[in-house]
Amino acid sequence: MTTEELQRGGADVAVKIAGQEFNLRNIKSLNTLATVANLVLGSLIVYMLFSHQVDAKDGVKEVAAELKAANKEAAIERREASKQQADLLKELGRAAREQNCLIATGVTALPPERRREAAELCRQVTR
């Protein structure tokens, strides 16, 4: 086929797709066919990228929500642990003050009934 035939009437093109052969008749320009194929392929790629972007945004939102929930739970647990620790420190301080009171009163030299009275007195004083 010569250039003159292509310019005048176009060309016949045989296309093989998935084992099937198609004859496209009177194609004025192979560039037109390539342009259409590129347009379809480009549109498909743009659509795939757009749908992937939407899925990625949704996934990021889900991960952010899960992290936020996990951080909230961790903060609650830390707060409870801190409260327990503060309570224990207060109790330890009371016990130390009570022990100091008992040492100051000389409880070891007292008879057993007076020891109980002194221990109760120290317990009331330190609370």
N, C-alpha and C. Protein backbone atom coordinates (compact mmCIF):
# COMPACT_ATOMS: atom_id res chain seq x y z
N MET A 1 0.85 -1.16 0.00
CA MET A 1 0.00 0.00 0.00
C MET A 1 0.90 1.23 0.00
N THR A 2 0.59 2.17 -0.80
CA THR A 2 1.43 3.35 -0.95
C THR A 2 0.86 4.51 -0.13
N THR A 3 1.63 5.54 -0.07
CA THR A 3 1.21 6.73 0.68
C THR A 3 0.02 7.37 0.00
N GLU A 4 -0.04 7.31 -1.31
CA GLU A 4 -1.17 7.90 -2.03
C GLU A 4 -2.46 7.18 -1.69
N GLU A 5 -2.42 5.84 -1.57
CA GLU A 5 -3.62 5.09 -1.23
C GLU A 5 -4.09 5.44 0.18
N LEU A 6 -3.11 5.59 1.09
CA LEU A 6 -3.47 5.95 2.46
C LEU A 6 -4.12 7.32 2.51
N GLN A 7 -3.61 8.26 1.72
CA GLN A 7 -4.16 9.62 1.74
C GLN A 7 -5.52 9.66 1.08
N ARG A 8 -5.73 8.87 0.03
CA ARG A 8 -6.98 8.88 -0.71
C ARG A 8 -8.10 8.17 0.03
N GLY A 9 -7.93 6.88 0.25
CA GLY A 9 -9.04 6.11 0.74
C GLY A 9 -8.80 5.49 2.10
N GLY A 10 -7.64 5.56 2.61
CA GLY A 10 -7.38 4.95 3.90
C GLY A 10 -6.80 3.58 3.70
N ALA A 11 -6.73 2.81 4.74
CA ALA A 11 -6.11 1.50 4.69
C ALA A 11 -6.96 0.51 5.45
N ASP A 12 -6.82 -0.77 5.08
CA ASP A 12 -7.47 -1.84 5.82
C ASP A 12 -6.48 -2.37 6.85
N VAL A 13 -6.92 -2.52 8.06
CA VAL A 13 -6.03 -2.98 9.13
C VAL A 13 -6.63 -4.22 9.76
N ALA A 14 -5.81 -5.26 9.93
CA ALA A 14 -6.25 -6.48 10.61
C ALA A 14 -5.77 -6.40 12.05
N VAL A 15 -6.70 -6.53 12.99
CA VAL A 15 -6.38 -6.44 14.41
C VAL A 15 -6.71 -7.77 15.05
N LYS A 16 -5.79 -8.27 15.87
CA LYS A 16 -6.00 -9.54 16.55
C LYS A 16 -6.11 -9.25 18.06
N ILE A 17 -7.28 -9.52 18.62
CA ILE A 17 -7.51 -9.28 20.05
C ILE A 17 -8.04 -10.56 20.66
N ALA A 18 -7.34 -11.09 21.64
CA ALA A 18 -7.75 -12.30 22.38
C ALA A 18 -8.03 -13.46 21.42
N GLY A 19 -7.18 -13.61 20.42
CA GLY A 19 -7.30 -14.74 19.51
C GLY A 19 -8.31 -14.51 18.39
N GLN A 20 -9.02 -13.42 18.41
CA GLN A 20 -9.99 -13.10 17.37
C GLN A 20 -9.39 -12.05 16.44
N GLU A 21 -9.63 -12.23 15.16
CA GLU A 21 -9.09 -11.29 14.19
C GLU A 21 -10.20 -10.41 13.66
N PHE A 22 -9.95 -9.11 13.68
CA PHE A 22 -10.92 -8.14 13.18
C PHE A 22 -10.28 -7.36 12.05
N ASN A 23 -11.05 -7.09 11.03
CA ASN A 23 -10.58 -6.29 9.91
C ASN A 23 -11.24 -4.92 9.99
N LEU A 24 -10.41 -3.92 10.17
CA LEU A 24 -10.92 -2.55 10.18
C LEU A 24 -10.66 -1.99 8.79
N ARG A 25 -11.72 -1.57 8.12
CA ARG A 25 -11.59 -1.14 6.73
C ARG A 25 -11.59 0.39 6.63
N ASN A 26 -10.85 0.81 5.71
CA ASN A 26 -10.81 2.22 5.32
C ASN A 26 -10.42 3.13 6.50
N ILE A 27 -9.37 2.80 7.23
CA ILE A 27 -8.87 3.65 8.29
C ILE A 27 -8.02 4.72 7.62
N LYS A 28 -8.39 5.96 7.83
CA LYS A 28 -7.69 7.03 7.17
C LYS A 28 -6.32 7.24 7.80
N SER A 29 -6.22 6.98 9.09
CA SER A 29 -4.94 7.20 9.74
C SER A 29 -4.79 6.23 10.90
N LEU A 30 -3.67 5.57 10.95
CA LEU A 30 -3.41 4.69 12.08
C LEU A 30 -3.22 5.51 13.35
N ASN A 31 -2.85 6.75 13.19
CA ASN A 31 -2.70 7.63 14.36
C ASN A 31 -4.04 7.83 15.06
N THR A 32 -5.11 7.88 14.31
CA THR A 32 -6.44 8.05 14.91
C THR A 32 -6.77 6.86 15.80
N LEU A 33 -6.50 5.67 15.29
CA LEU A 33 -6.75 4.46 16.08
C LEU A 33 -5.88 4.45 17.33
N ALA A 34 -4.61 4.81 17.19
CA ALA A 34 -3.72 4.85 18.35
C ALA A 34 -4.17 5.91 19.34
N THR A 35 -4.63 7.03 18.86
CA THR A 35 -5.10 8.11 19.73
C THR A 35 -6.31 7.66 20.54
N VAL A 36 -7.25 7.01 19.88
CA VAL A 36 -8.44 6.51 20.58
C VAL A 36 -8.04 5.47 21.62
N ALA A 37 -7.15 4.57 21.26
CA ALA A 37 -6.70 3.55 22.22
C ALA A 37 -6.01 4.20 23.42
N ASN A 38 -5.17 5.20 23.15
CA ASN A 38 -4.50 5.90 24.25
C ASN A 38 -5.49 6.66 25.12
N LEU A 39 -6.51 7.23 24.51
CA LEU A 39 -7.53 7.95 25.27
C LEU A 39 -8.29 7.00 26.20
N VAL A 40 -8.66 5.85 25.67
CA VAL A 40 -9.37 4.86 26.49
C VAL A 40 -8.47 4.37 27.62
N LEU A 41 -7.23 4.04 27.30
CA LEU A 41 -6.29 3.57 28.30
C LEU A 41 -6.01 4.64 29.36
N GLY A 42 -5.82 5.86 28.93
CA GLY A 42 -5.59 6.97 29.87
C GLY A 42 -6.78 7.19 30.79
N SER A 43 -7.99 7.13 30.22
CA SER A 43 -9.19 7.28 31.04
C SER A 43 -9.29 6.18 32.08
N LEU A 44 -8.97 4.96 31.68
CA LEU A 44 -9.00 3.84 32.61
C LEU A 44 -7.99 4.03 33.74
N ILE A 45 -6.80 4.48 33.42
CA ILE A 45 -5.78 4.71 34.44
C ILE A 45 -6.21 5.82 35.40
N VAL A 46 -6.77 6.92 34.87
CA VAL A 46 -7.24 8.02 35.73
C VAL A 46 -8.33 7.52 36.66
N TYR A 47 -9.27 6.74 36.14
CA TYR A 47 -10.34 6.20 36.98
C TYR A 47 -9.78 5.31 38.09
N MET A 48 -8.82 4.45 37.75
CA MET A 48 -8.23 3.56 38.75
C MET A 48 -7.51 4.36 39.83
N LEU A 49 -6.76 5.39 39.43
CA LEU A 49 -6.06 6.22 40.41
C LEU A 49 -7.04 6.95 41.31
N PHE A 50 -8.12 7.46 40.74
CA PHE A 50 -9.12 8.17 41.53
C PHE A 50 -9.78 7.23 42.54
N SER A 51 -10.16 6.05 42.08
CA SER A 51 -10.82 5.11 43.01
C SER A 51 -9.82 4.65 44.08
N HIS A 52 -8.57 4.48 43.73
CA HIS A 52 -7.56 4.10 44.72
C HIS A 52 -7.37 5.21 45.74
N GLN A 53 -7.39 6.46 45.29
CA GLN A 53 -7.23 7.60 46.19
C GLN A 53 -8.38 7.65 47.19
N VAL A 54 -9.60 7.42 46.75
CA VAL A 54 -10.76 7.43 47.64
C VAL A 54 -10.63 6.30 48.67
N ASP A 55 -10.25 5.10 48.20
CA ASP A 55 -10.07 3.98 49.12
C ASP A 55 -8.96 4.27 50.14
N ALA A 56 -7.89 4.89 49.68
CA ALA A 56 -6.78 5.20 50.58
C ALA A 56 -7.21 6.21 51.64
N LYS A 57 -7.98 7.22 51.24
CA LYS A 57 -8.46 8.20 52.21
C LYS A 57 -9.36 7.55 53.24
N ASP A 58 -10.25 6.66 52.80
CA ASP A 58 -11.13 5.95 53.74
C ASP A 58 -10.31 5.10 54.70
N GLY A 59 -9.30 4.44 54.18
CA GLY A 59 -8.44 3.61 55.03
C GLY A 59 -7.71 4.44 56.06
N VAL A 60 -7.22 5.60 55.66
CA VAL A 60 -6.50 6.48 56.59
C VAL A 60 -7.46 6.97 57.68
N LYS A 61 -8.69 7.29 57.30
CA LYS A 61 -9.67 7.74 58.29
C LYS A 61 -9.96 6.63 59.30
N GLU A 62 -10.08 5.40 58.83
CA GLU A 62 -10.34 4.27 59.74
C GLU A 62 -9.16 4.08 60.70
N VAL A 63 -7.94 4.14 60.17
CA VAL A 63 -6.76 3.96 61.02
C VAL A 63 -6.69 5.09 62.05
N ALA A 64 -6.98 6.32 61.63
CA ALA A 64 -6.94 7.45 62.56
C ALA A 64 -7.99 7.28 63.66
N ALA A 65 -9.18 6.79 63.30
CA ALA A 65 -10.22 6.58 64.31
C ALA A 65 -9.80 5.50 65.30
N GLU A 66 -9.19 4.43 64.81
CA GLU A 66 -8.73 3.36 65.70
C GLU A 66 -7.62 3.85 66.63
N LEU A 67 -6.69 4.64 66.10
CA LEU A 67 -5.62 5.20 66.93
C LEU A 67 -6.18 6.14 67.99
N LYS A 68 -7.16 6.93 67.61
CA LYS A 68 -7.77 7.85 68.57
C LYS A 68 -8.44 7.08 69.70
N ALA A 69 -9.16 6.02 69.36
CA ALA A 69 -9.82 5.20 70.37
C ALA A 69 -8.79 4.52 71.27
N ALA A 70 -7.72 4.01 70.67
CA ALA A 70 -6.68 3.34 71.45
C ALA A 70 -5.99 4.34 72.39
N ASN A 71 -5.73 5.55 71.91
CA ASN A 71 -5.11 6.57 72.75
C ASN A 71 -6.03 6.96 73.91
N LYS A 72 -7.33 7.03 73.64
CA LYS A 72 -8.29 7.37 74.69
C LYS A 72 -8.30 6.29 75.77
N GLU A 73 -8.32 5.03 75.35
CA GLU A 73 -8.29 3.92 76.30
C GLU A 73 -7.00 3.93 77.12
N ALA A 74 -5.88 4.18 76.46
CA ALA A 74 -4.59 4.22 77.16
C ALA A 74 -4.57 5.37 78.17
N ALA A 75 -5.15 6.51 77.82
CA ALA A 75 -5.18 7.65 78.74
C ALA A 75 -6.02 7.31 79.98
N ILE A 76 -7.13 6.63 79.76
CA ILE A 76 -7.98 6.24 80.89
C ILE A 76 -7.23 5.28 81.80
N GLU A 77 -6.56 4.30 81.21
CA GLU A 77 -5.79 3.34 82.00
C GLU A 77 -4.66 4.02 82.77
N ARG A 78 -3.97 4.97 82.13
CA ARG A 78 -2.90 5.70 82.82
C ARG A 78 -3.46 6.52 83.98
N ARG A 79 -4.61 7.13 83.76
CA ARG A 79 -5.23 7.93 84.81
C ARG A 79 -5.59 7.06 86.01
N GLU A 80 -6.16 5.89 85.74
CA GLU A 80 -6.52 4.97 86.83
C GLU A 80 -5.28 4.48 87.56
N ALA A 81 -4.24 4.14 86.83
CA ALA A 81 -3.00 3.67 87.44
C ALA A 81 -2.37 4.77 88.29
N SER A 82 -2.43 6.00 87.79
CA SER A 82 -1.88 7.13 88.53
C SER A 82 -2.67 7.36 89.81
N LYS A 83 -3.98 7.22 89.74
CA LYS A 83 -4.82 7.39 90.94
C LYS A 83 -4.49 6.30 91.97
N GLN A 84 -4.35 5.07 91.51
CA GLN A 84 -4.00 3.98 92.42
C GLN A 84 -2.64 4.23 93.06
N GLN A 85 -1.70 4.70 92.26
CA GLN A 85 -0.36 4.97 92.78
C GLN A 85 -0.42 6.09 93.82
N ALA A 86 -1.20 7.14 93.57
CA ALA A 86 -1.33 8.24 94.51
C ALA A 86 -1.95 7.75 95.82
N ASP A 87 -2.97 6.89 95.71
CA ASP A 87 -3.60 6.34 96.92
C ASP A 87 -2.60 5.51 97.73
N LEU A 88 -1.83 4.70 97.03
CA LEU A 88 -0.82 3.89 97.72
C LEU A 88 0.24 4.76 98.41
N LEU A 89 0.66 5.83 97.74
CA LEU A 89 1.64 6.73 98.35
C LEU A 89 1.07 7.41 99.59
N LYS A 90 -0.20 7.80 99.53
CA LYS A 90 -0.84 8.40 100.71
C LYS A 90 -0.86 7.41 101.87
N GLU A 91 -1.26 6.17 101.55
CA GLU A 91 -1.31 5.14 102.59
C GLU A 91 0.08 4.86 103.16
N LEU A 92 1.07 4.85 102.31
CA LEU A 92 2.44 4.65 102.78
C LEU A 92 2.89 5.79 103.70
N GLY A 93 2.52 7.01 103.35
CA GLY A 93 2.85 8.16 104.18
C GLY A 93 2.19 8.06 105.55
N ARG A 94 0.91 7.65 105.57
CA ARG A 94 0.21 7.47 106.84
C ARG A 94 0.89 6.41 107.70
N ALA A 95 1.25 5.30 107.05
CA ALA A 95 1.90 4.21 107.79
C ALA A 95 3.24 4.67 108.36
N ALA A 96 3.98 5.46 107.60
CA ALA A 96 5.26 5.97 108.09
C ALA A 96 5.06 6.91 109.28
N ARG A 97 4.05 7.80 109.17
CA ARG A 97 3.77 8.71 110.29
C ARG A 97 3.33 7.94 111.53
N GLU A 98 2.51 6.91 111.31
CA GLU A 98 2.07 6.08 112.44
C GLU A 98 3.26 5.37 113.09
N GLN A 99 4.14 4.85 112.27
CA GLN A 99 5.34 4.18 112.79
C GLN A 99 6.21 5.16 113.57
N ASN A 100 6.37 6.37 113.06
CA ASN A 100 7.15 7.39 113.77
C ASN A 100 6.50 7.74 115.10
N CYS A 101 5.18 7.82 115.13
CA CYS A 101 4.46 8.11 116.37
C CYS A 101 4.70 7.00 117.40
N LEU A 102 4.63 5.75 116.92
CA LEU A 102 4.85 4.62 117.82
C LEU A 102 6.28 4.62 118.38
N ILE A 103 7.22 4.96 117.55
CA ILE A 103 8.62 5.01 117.99
C ILE A 103 8.78 6.13 119.02
N ALA A 104 8.14 7.28 118.76
CA ALA A 104 8.27 8.43 119.66
C ALA A 104 7.64 8.15 121.02
N THR A 105 6.56 7.36 121.05
CA THR A 105 5.90 7.07 122.34
C THR A 105 6.61 5.99 123.11
N GLY A 106 7.55 5.32 122.52
CA GLY A 106 8.29 4.26 123.20
C GLY A 106 7.41 3.05 123.48
N VAL A 107 6.68 2.59 122.50
CA VAL A 107 5.70 1.52 122.65
C VAL A 107 6.35 0.20 123.07
N THR A 108 7.59 -0.02 122.78
CA THR A 108 8.22 -1.30 123.11
C THR A 108 8.37 -1.49 124.61
N ALA A 109 8.43 -0.39 125.35
CA ALA A 109 8.61 -0.50 126.80
C ALA A 109 7.27 -0.60 127.54
N LEU A 110 6.16 -0.48 126.84
CA LEU A 110 4.84 -0.49 127.47
C LEU A 110 4.29 -1.91 127.58
N PRO A 111 3.40 -2.14 128.54
CA PRO A 111 2.71 -3.43 128.61
C PRO A 111 1.77 -3.59 127.41
N PRO A 112 1.32 -4.84 127.08
CA PRO A 112 0.52 -5.10 125.87
C PRO A 112 -0.75 -4.27 125.77
N GLU A 113 -1.50 -4.07 126.85
CA GLU A 113 -2.74 -3.30 126.75
C GLU A 113 -2.46 -1.83 126.45
N ARG A 114 -1.37 -1.30 126.99
CA ARG A 114 -0.99 0.08 126.72
C ARG A 114 -0.46 0.22 125.29
N ARG A 115 0.15 -0.83 124.76
CA ARG A 115 0.64 -0.82 123.36
C ARG A 115 -0.54 -0.65 122.41
N ARG A 116 -1.62 -1.39 122.71
CA ARG A 116 -2.81 -1.29 121.84
C ARG A 116 -3.39 0.12 121.89
N GLU A 117 -3.45 0.69 123.09
CA GLU A 117 -3.97 2.05 123.25
C GLU A 117 -3.09 3.06 122.51
N ALA A 118 -1.78 2.88 122.64
CA ALA A 118 -0.84 3.79 121.97
C ALA A 118 -0.94 3.64 120.45
N ALA A 119 -1.08 2.42 119.99
CA ALA A 119 -1.21 2.19 118.54
C ALA A 119 -2.49 2.82 118.01
N GLU A 120 -3.59 2.71 118.77
CA GLU A 120 -4.86 3.30 118.35
C GLU A 120 -4.75 4.82 118.35
N LEU A 121 -4.12 5.38 119.38
CA LEU A 121 -3.92 6.82 119.47
C LEU A 121 -3.09 7.32 118.27
N CYS A 122 -2.00 6.61 117.96
CA CYS A 122 -1.16 7.00 116.81
C CYS A 122 -1.93 6.90 115.50
N ARG A 123 -2.78 5.89 115.35
CA ARG A 123 -3.59 5.71 114.15
C ARG A 123 -4.55 6.88 113.99
N GLN A 124 -5.17 7.31 115.10
CA GLN A 124 -6.12 8.44 115.04
C GLN A 124 -5.39 9.75 114.74
N VAL A 125 -4.22 9.91 115.31
CA VAL A 125 -3.47 11.15 115.12
C VAL A 125 -2.99 11.29 113.66
N THR A 126 -2.57 10.20 113.07
CA THR A 126 -1.98 10.26 111.71
C THR A 126 -3.03 10.31 110.61
N ARG A 127 -4.26 10.07 110.90
CA ARG A 127 -5.30 10.09 109.85
C ARG A 127 -5.84 11.43 109.64
